[in-house]
Amino acid sequence: MIRTLLLIGLSGLASTLCVADESATDSRKYYVEDIKSTMMQHIEEKVDENGVFRLRDDKTGEVLTLRFVRIHDPVRQIGSDIYFACTDFHVVGEPDKLYDLDFWMNDKTGQLKIYQSKVHKEPRWSLLYGWYKQPRYTFVNDEIEYLY
């Protein structure tokens, strides 16, 4: 009888320890809706009363005045705790002049937040094709490789 109670007690303790251990190592998993929602919230917080999104170009230093167009599919997870979204914005007053902006986010604060943004593609003019997006970098194994 005592042996049975001891085994029941130990098995209860072991399962409690396992549950505690699992919850201590659990990290939050974010899904497409979470990433897109974080992007939309970030954009809404950054646009002014006229719907203009301003961003300092990380290469030229120019402040870009843009309007949001869309979030590209798919959004992605990079590594264990970094999430990524690619977007299109057009220059205010020039809807064909598109910038492709990339955003990286993590949850180091306990909430998914943008921590880095870069101009991935800039608008260029071609006599044959009109406005197109010229990439500044590409991704190789989820790492940035600059093209120029």
Foldseek 3Di string as FASTA:
>chain_A
DVVVVVVVVVVVVVVVVVVVVVVVPDDDDDDQVQVVVQVVVVQVVQADPVQWHWDQAPPPRDIATWHFDFKDPDWAAQPDFKTKIWGWIAGVPGVLFIWIKMWIWGCPVVGTHTDDMHGQWGWDQDPVPGTDTHGQWDDDSNDTDGPD
